[in-house]
Protein backbone atom coordinates (compact mmCIF):
# COMPACT_ATOMS: atom_id res chain seq x y z
CA UNK A 1 39.82 -48.35 -142.96
CA UNK A 2 38.47 -46.41 -140.09
CA UNK A 3 38.53 -49.44 -137.86
CA UNK A 4 42.23 -49.99 -138.45
CA UNK A 5 43.01 -46.38 -137.44
CA UNK A 6 41.30 -46.85 -134.12
CA UNK A 7 43.27 -50.02 -133.40
CA UNK A 8 46.53 -48.25 -134.02
CA UNK A 9 45.57 -45.38 -131.74
CA UNK A 10 44.61 -47.79 -129.01
CA UNK A 11 47.92 -49.66 -129.34
CA UNK A 12 49.85 -46.43 -129.16
CA UNK A 13 47.98 -45.40 -126.02
CA UNK A 14 48.67 -48.75 -124.42
CA UNK A 15 52.36 -48.52 -125.17
CA UNK A 16 52.52 -45.03 -123.74
CA UNK A 17 50.81 -46.22 -120.60
CA UNK A 18 53.35 -48.98 -120.21
CA UNK A 19 56.23 -46.58 -120.66
CA UNK A 20 54.71 -44.14 -118.19
CA UNK A 21 54.17 -46.91 -115.68
CA UNK A 22 57.74 -48.09 -116.13
CA UNK A 23 59.03 -44.56 -115.64
CA UNK A 24 56.92 -44.13 -112.48
CA UNK A 25 58.13 -47.44 -111.10
CA UNK A 26 61.75 -46.59 -111.91
CA UNK A 27 61.44 -43.16 -110.35
CA UNK A 28 59.82 -44.60 -107.28
CA UNK A 29 62.58 -47.21 -107.00
CA UNK A 30 65.28 -44.58 -107.37
CA UNK A 31 63.53 -42.43 -104.80
CA UNK A 32 63.24 -45.37 -102.43
CA UNK A 33 66.89 -46.32 -102.75
CA UNK A 34 67.92 -42.72 -102.40
CA UNK A 35 65.81 -42.33 -99.22
CA UNK A 36 67.23 -45.53 -97.72
CA UNK A 37 70.75 -44.30 -98.28
CA UNK A 38 69.85 -41.00 -96.64
CA UNK A 39 68.30 -42.80 -93.68
CA UNK A 40 71.33 -45.04 -93.39
CA UNK A 41 73.61 -41.98 -93.50
CA UNK A 42 71.56 -40.32 -90.78
CA UNK A 43 71.77 -43.46 -88.66
CA UNK A 44 75.51 -43.67 -89.20
CA UNK A 45 75.94 -40.03 -88.31
CA UNK A 46 73.85 -40.48 -85.17
CA UNK A 47 75.82 -43.57 -84.20
CA UNK A 48 79.10 -41.74 -84.71
CA UNK A 49 77.86 -38.75 -82.78
CA UNK A 50 76.61 -40.81 -79.87
CA UNK A 51 79.79 -42.89 -79.93
CA UNK A 52 81.85 -39.69 -79.67
CA UNK A 53 79.71 -38.38 -76.83
CA UNK A 54 79.90 -41.72 -75.05
CA UNK A 55 83.68 -41.81 -75.54
CA UNK A 56 83.99 -38.23 -74.24
CA UNK A 57 81.88 -39.05 -71.21
CA UNK A 58 84.02 -42.12 -70.55
CA UNK A 59 87.25 -40.11 -70.85
CA UNK A 60 85.89 -37.39 -68.57
CA UNK A 61 84.75 -39.98 -66.04
CA UNK A 62 88.09 -41.74 -66.24
CA UNK A 63 89.91 -38.42 -65.77
CA UNK A 64 87.74 -37.51 -62.77
CA UNK A 65 88.26 -40.98 -61.30
CA UNK A 66 92.04 -40.74 -61.79
CA UNK A 67 92.05 -37.24 -60.29
CA UNK A 68 90.09 -38.39 -57.25
CA UNK A 69 92.41 -41.35 -56.81
CA UNK A 70 95.45 -39.07 -57.18
CA UNK A 71 94.05 -36.70 -54.56
CA UNK A 72 93.38 -39.61 -52.23
CA UNK A 73 96.89 -40.98 -52.82
CA UNK A 74 98.36 -37.50 -52.22
CA UNK A 75 96.42 -37.18 -48.96
CA UNK A 76 97.56 -40.66 -47.96
CA UNK A 77 101.17 -39.78 -48.82
CA UNK A 78 100.89 -36.59 -46.77
CA UNK A 79 99.60 -38.55 -43.79
CA UNK A 80 102.38 -41.10 -44.16
CA UNK A 81 104.93 -38.28 -44.54
CA UNK A 82 103.62 -36.60 -41.38
CA UNK A 83 103.73 -39.92 -39.52
CA UNK A 84 107.29 -40.57 -40.72
CA UNK A 85 108.31 -37.07 -39.67
CA UNK A 86 106.78 -37.70 -36.25
CA UNK A 87 108.60 -41.01 -35.95
CA UNK A 88 111.84 -39.40 -37.06
CA UNK A 89 111.42 -36.65 -34.47
CA UNK A 90 110.75 -39.26 -31.79
CA UNK A 91 113.77 -41.29 -32.89
CA UNK A 92 115.95 -38.17 -32.84
CA UNK A 93 114.65 -37.32 -29.37
CA UNK A 94 115.36 -40.86 -28.22
CA UNK A 95 118.83 -40.65 -29.72
CA UNK A 96 119.48 -37.33 -27.96
CA UNK A 97 118.12 -38.75 -24.73
CA UNK A 98 120.30 -41.83 -25.08
CA UNK A 99 123.34 -39.65 -25.78
CA UNK A 100 122.55 -37.51 -22.74
CA UNK A 101 122.13 -40.63 -20.62
CA UNK A 102 125.48 -41.96 -21.84
CA UNK A 103 127.14 -38.66 -21.03
CA UNK A 104 125.46 -38.58 -17.63
CA UNK A 105 126.58 -42.13 -16.94
CA UNK A 106 130.13 -41.19 -17.92
CA UNK A 107 130.09 -38.21 -15.57
CA UNK A 108 128.62 -40.27 -12.74
CA UNK A 109 131.18 -43.04 -13.31
CA UNK A 110 133.96 -40.46 -13.11
CA UNK A 111 132.50 -39.07 -9.90
CA UNK A 112 132.14 -42.58 -8.47
CA UNK A 113 135.72 -43.45 -9.34
CA UNK A 114 136.87 -40.17 -7.82
CA UNK A 115 134.81 -40.72 -4.69
CA UNK A 116 136.17 -44.23 -4.23
CA UNK A 117 139.73 -42.95 -4.57
CA UNK A 118 139.43 -40.58 -1.60
CA UNK A 119 141.08 -41.71 1.59
CA UNK A 120 139.08 -39.46 3.92
CA UNK A 121 135.43 -39.34 4.83
CA UNK A 122 133.37 -37.83 2.05
CA UNK A 123 129.76 -37.24 1.09
CA UNK A 124 128.87 -37.07 -2.64
CA UNK A 125 126.34 -34.36 -3.48
CA UNK A 126 124.75 -32.61 -6.41
CA UNK A 127 124.38 -28.88 -6.96
CA UNK A 128 120.68 -28.14 -7.15
CA UNK A 129 120.68 -24.36 -7.24
CA UNK A 130 122.12 -21.07 -6.13
CA UNK A 131 120.94 -19.04 -3.17
CA UNK A 132 119.37 -15.80 -4.54
CA UNK A 133 119.67 -14.12 -1.12
CA UNK A 134 123.44 -14.51 -1.13
CA UNK A 135 125.31 -11.61 -2.74
CA UNK A 136 127.72 -13.92 -4.48
CA UNK A 137 125.32 -16.78 -5.15
CA UNK A 138 126.18 -19.50 -2.67
CA UNK A 139 125.82 -22.98 -4.14
CA UNK A 140 122.98 -25.17 -2.89
CA UNK A 141 123.68 -28.89 -2.60
CA UNK A 142 121.22 -31.72 -2.00
CA UNK A 143 122.85 -33.07 1.17
CA UNK A 144 122.47 -31.79 4.73
CA UNK A 145 122.60 -32.81 8.36
CA UNK A 146 120.72 -36.02 7.65
CA UNK A 147 123.65 -37.14 5.45
CA UNK A 148 126.29 -35.98 7.93
CA UNK A 149 127.12 -32.58 6.41
CA UNK A 150 128.32 -29.96 8.89
CA UNK A 151 129.41 -26.34 8.73
CA UNK A 152 133.01 -25.62 7.67
CA UNK A 153 133.40 -28.86 5.79
CA UNK A 154 135.48 -28.50 2.63
CA UNK A 155 133.83 -29.09 -0.75
CA UNK A 156 135.79 -30.37 -3.73
CA UNK A 157 134.98 -31.65 -7.22
CA UNK A 158 136.45 -33.76 -10.00
CA UNK A 159 136.48 -31.94 -13.32
CA UNK A 160 138.54 -32.44 -16.48
CA UNK A 161 140.70 -35.00 -14.73
CA UNK A 162 141.60 -32.63 -11.89
CA UNK A 163 140.59 -32.65 -8.23
CA UNK A 164 139.73 -29.02 -7.52
CA UNK A 165 138.60 -26.90 -4.59
CA UNK A 166 135.01 -25.64 -4.74
CA UNK A 167 134.60 -23.99 -1.32
CA UNK A 168 133.24 -24.84 2.11
CA UNK A 169 129.87 -25.45 3.76
CA UNK A 170 128.57 -22.34 5.55
CA UNK A 171 125.00 -23.37 6.39
CA UNK A 172 123.29 -26.73 6.78
CA UNK A 173 119.68 -27.79 6.72
CA UNK A 174 118.25 -31.21 7.25
CA UNK A 175 118.49 -32.18 3.58
CA UNK A 176 120.22 -29.24 1.90
CA UNK A 177 123.29 -27.09 2.54
CA UNK A 178 124.83 -23.82 1.34
CA UNK A 179 128.37 -23.82 0.04
CA UNK A 180 130.47 -20.65 -0.10
CA UNK A 181 132.57 -20.93 -3.28
CA UNK A 182 136.25 -19.94 -3.32
CA UNK A 183 135.47 -16.89 -5.49
CA UNK A 184 133.35 -15.31 -2.73
CA UNK A 185 135.04 -12.20 -1.21
CA UNK A 186 134.67 -13.78 2.22
CA UNK A 187 136.67 -16.85 1.17
CA UNK A 188 140.29 -17.23 2.38
CA UNK A 189 142.28 -20.39 1.69
CA UNK A 190 145.79 -21.14 2.94
CA UNK A 191 147.64 -22.34 -0.13
CA UNK A 192 151.08 -22.93 -1.64
CA UNK A 193 152.74 -23.37 -4.99
CA UNK A 194 152.93 -27.06 -5.79
CA UNK A 195 156.51 -26.82 -7.17
CA UNK A 196 158.28 -23.94 -5.38
CA UNK A 197 156.29 -24.57 -2.17
CA UNK A 198 155.92 -20.89 -1.30
CA UNK A 199 152.86 -20.20 0.82
CA UNK A 200 150.19 -17.54 0.54
CA UNK A 201 146.49 -16.81 1.06
CA UNK A 202 144.02 -17.21 -1.83
CA UNK A 203 141.12 -14.76 -1.68
CA UNK A 204 137.95 -14.58 -3.75
CA UNK A 205 137.30 -11.53 -5.94
CA UNK A 206 133.53 -11.79 -6.05
CA UNK A 207 132.78 -13.61 -9.29
CA UNK A 208 133.14 -17.05 -10.85
CA UNK A 209 134.64 -15.50 -13.99
CA UNK A 210 137.04 -13.24 -12.03
CA UNK A 211 140.55 -14.58 -11.22
CA UNK A 212 141.35 -15.50 -7.64
CA UNK A 213 144.03 -13.41 -5.92
CA UNK A 214 146.87 -15.01 -3.96
CA UNK A 215 148.46 -12.59 -1.50
CA UNK A 216 151.30 -12.48 1.06
CA UNK A 217 153.81 -14.40 -1.05
CA UNK A 218 157.45 -13.82 -0.18
CA UNK A 219 158.99 -11.50 -2.77
CA UNK A 220 161.98 -13.76 -3.22
CA UNK A 221 159.62 -16.29 -4.80
CA UNK A 222 159.26 -14.13 -7.92
CA UNK A 223 162.19 -15.82 -9.67
CA UNK A 224 160.66 -19.23 -9.06
CA UNK A 225 157.08 -18.49 -10.11
CA UNK A 226 155.94 -18.83 -13.70
CA UNK A 227 152.68 -18.45 -15.57
CA UNK A 228 150.65 -21.65 -15.38
CA UNK A 229 152.15 -22.78 -12.06
CA UNK A 230 149.67 -24.78 -9.97
CA UNK A 231 148.57 -23.60 -6.52
CA UNK A 232 147.18 -26.14 -4.04
CA UNK A 233 145.85 -26.04 -0.49
CA UNK A 234 148.54 -26.38 2.18
CA UNK A 235 146.32 -28.09 4.75
CA UNK A 236 146.67 -25.47 7.51
CA UNK A 237 143.65 -24.04 9.28
CA UNK A 238 141.85 -27.33 9.76
CA UNK A 239 139.23 -26.77 7.06
CA UNK A 240 140.79 -27.73 3.73
CA UNK A 241 142.89 -30.88 3.35
CA UNK A 242 146.31 -30.35 1.82
CA UNK A 243 147.12 -30.94 -1.83
CA UNK A 244 143.76 -29.93 -3.36
CA UNK A 245 144.21 -27.92 -6.57
CA UNK A 246 143.02 -24.32 -6.37
CA UNK A 247 144.16 -22.55 -9.53
CA UNK A 248 146.95 -21.71 -11.97
CA UNK A 249 148.94 -18.49 -12.22
CA UNK A 250 147.85 -16.08 -14.96
CA UNK A 251 149.34 -12.79 -13.67
CA UNK A 252 152.17 -11.74 -11.32
CA UNK A 253 152.32 -8.48 -9.36
CA UNK A 254 155.11 -7.07 -7.19
CA UNK A 255 156.63 -3.74 -6.21
CA UNK A 256 160.25 -3.18 -5.22
CA UNK A 257 159.28 -1.36 -2.04
CA UNK A 258 156.92 -4.10 -0.83
CA UNK A 259 157.99 -7.15 1.13
CA UNK A 260 155.48 -9.50 -0.48
CA UNK A 261 153.99 -10.11 -3.90
CA UNK A 262 150.67 -11.21 -5.37
CA UNK A 263 149.48 -13.38 -8.24
CA UNK A 264 146.18 -13.94 -9.98
CA UNK A 265 144.90 -17.47 -10.42
CA UNK A 266 142.47 -19.05 -12.83
CA UNK A 267 140.40 -21.53 -10.83
CA UNK A 268 140.84 -25.14 -11.90
CA UNK A 269 137.06 -25.52 -11.54
CA UNK A 270 134.75 -24.20 -14.24
CA UNK A 271 131.82 -23.22 -12.02
CA UNK A 272 129.52 -22.67 -15.00
CA UNK A 273 129.66 -26.43 -15.71
CA UNK A 274 129.82 -27.70 -12.16
CA UNK A 275 127.20 -30.35 -11.34
CA UNK A 276 128.56 -32.76 -8.75
CA UNK A 277 130.69 -32.15 -5.67
CA UNK A 278 132.08 -34.06 -2.71
CA UNK A 279 131.85 -32.79 0.85
CA UNK A 280 134.96 -33.70 2.84
CA UNK A 281 134.34 -35.02 6.34
CA UNK A 282 136.61 -35.07 9.36
CA UNK A 283 138.89 -38.06 9.72
CA UNK A 284 140.00 -40.92 7.50
CA UNK A 285 137.78 -43.16 5.43
CA UNK A 286 136.87 -46.43 7.18
CA UNK A 287 137.66 -49.16 4.65
CA UNK A 288 135.99 -51.81 6.79
């Protein structure tokens, strides 16, 4: 009987050992699977983290690259804009120069046509300055003795479609001459009204913007003189050819007790815009 009890105890112990071993194996398996899942989760988290960092670095690099390219493009656009502005300025300057050349050619063509229409000897010239030593600023022209200019030669000009009196030569050099304009106080020009034909003497009043004064007009002419009437040279005196326009009437003066009357004239020449003149020589133009 005792032997049977020992066998049963041994069997129970063996069974318990098996159960314990099974439990240990199961626990170890669960622990292993649980650890693998944790390791996998850690790996996944690390992969996600590094992927995010890598993506951020890529975006930052791409942004920096785009910014650098944008800055380079902006600098290039600025250079191109500056170059285009420079070209535009040059084109505008060329256009202005071309317009000035066209205007100059038009003026020269007018002067040439005017010069060719004159029947007496003439010398075209250009005003190159004003004499600062002269009280009333004598005009300086670029022609002198070498070109045939002499003292007391008349000087005329073509302006606004009118042949007008400028003055006369008072001093000549080899290549330059001084011209006393009609507005000088020392200037006296024998003139007449182009319509009524009354004579008088036109005197300068000392300034280009001051009206000329025509004196010694017969008083009986007052009923035949009107504002705007043209006064021309009468050809007497041997200096100024007849028929050259001098000015137009802008004021009339007379007193009952005087035997003559006076008028003020606006010169037909705008001296502030005068560039080219013609010096009138003695004698007729030789067409041959």
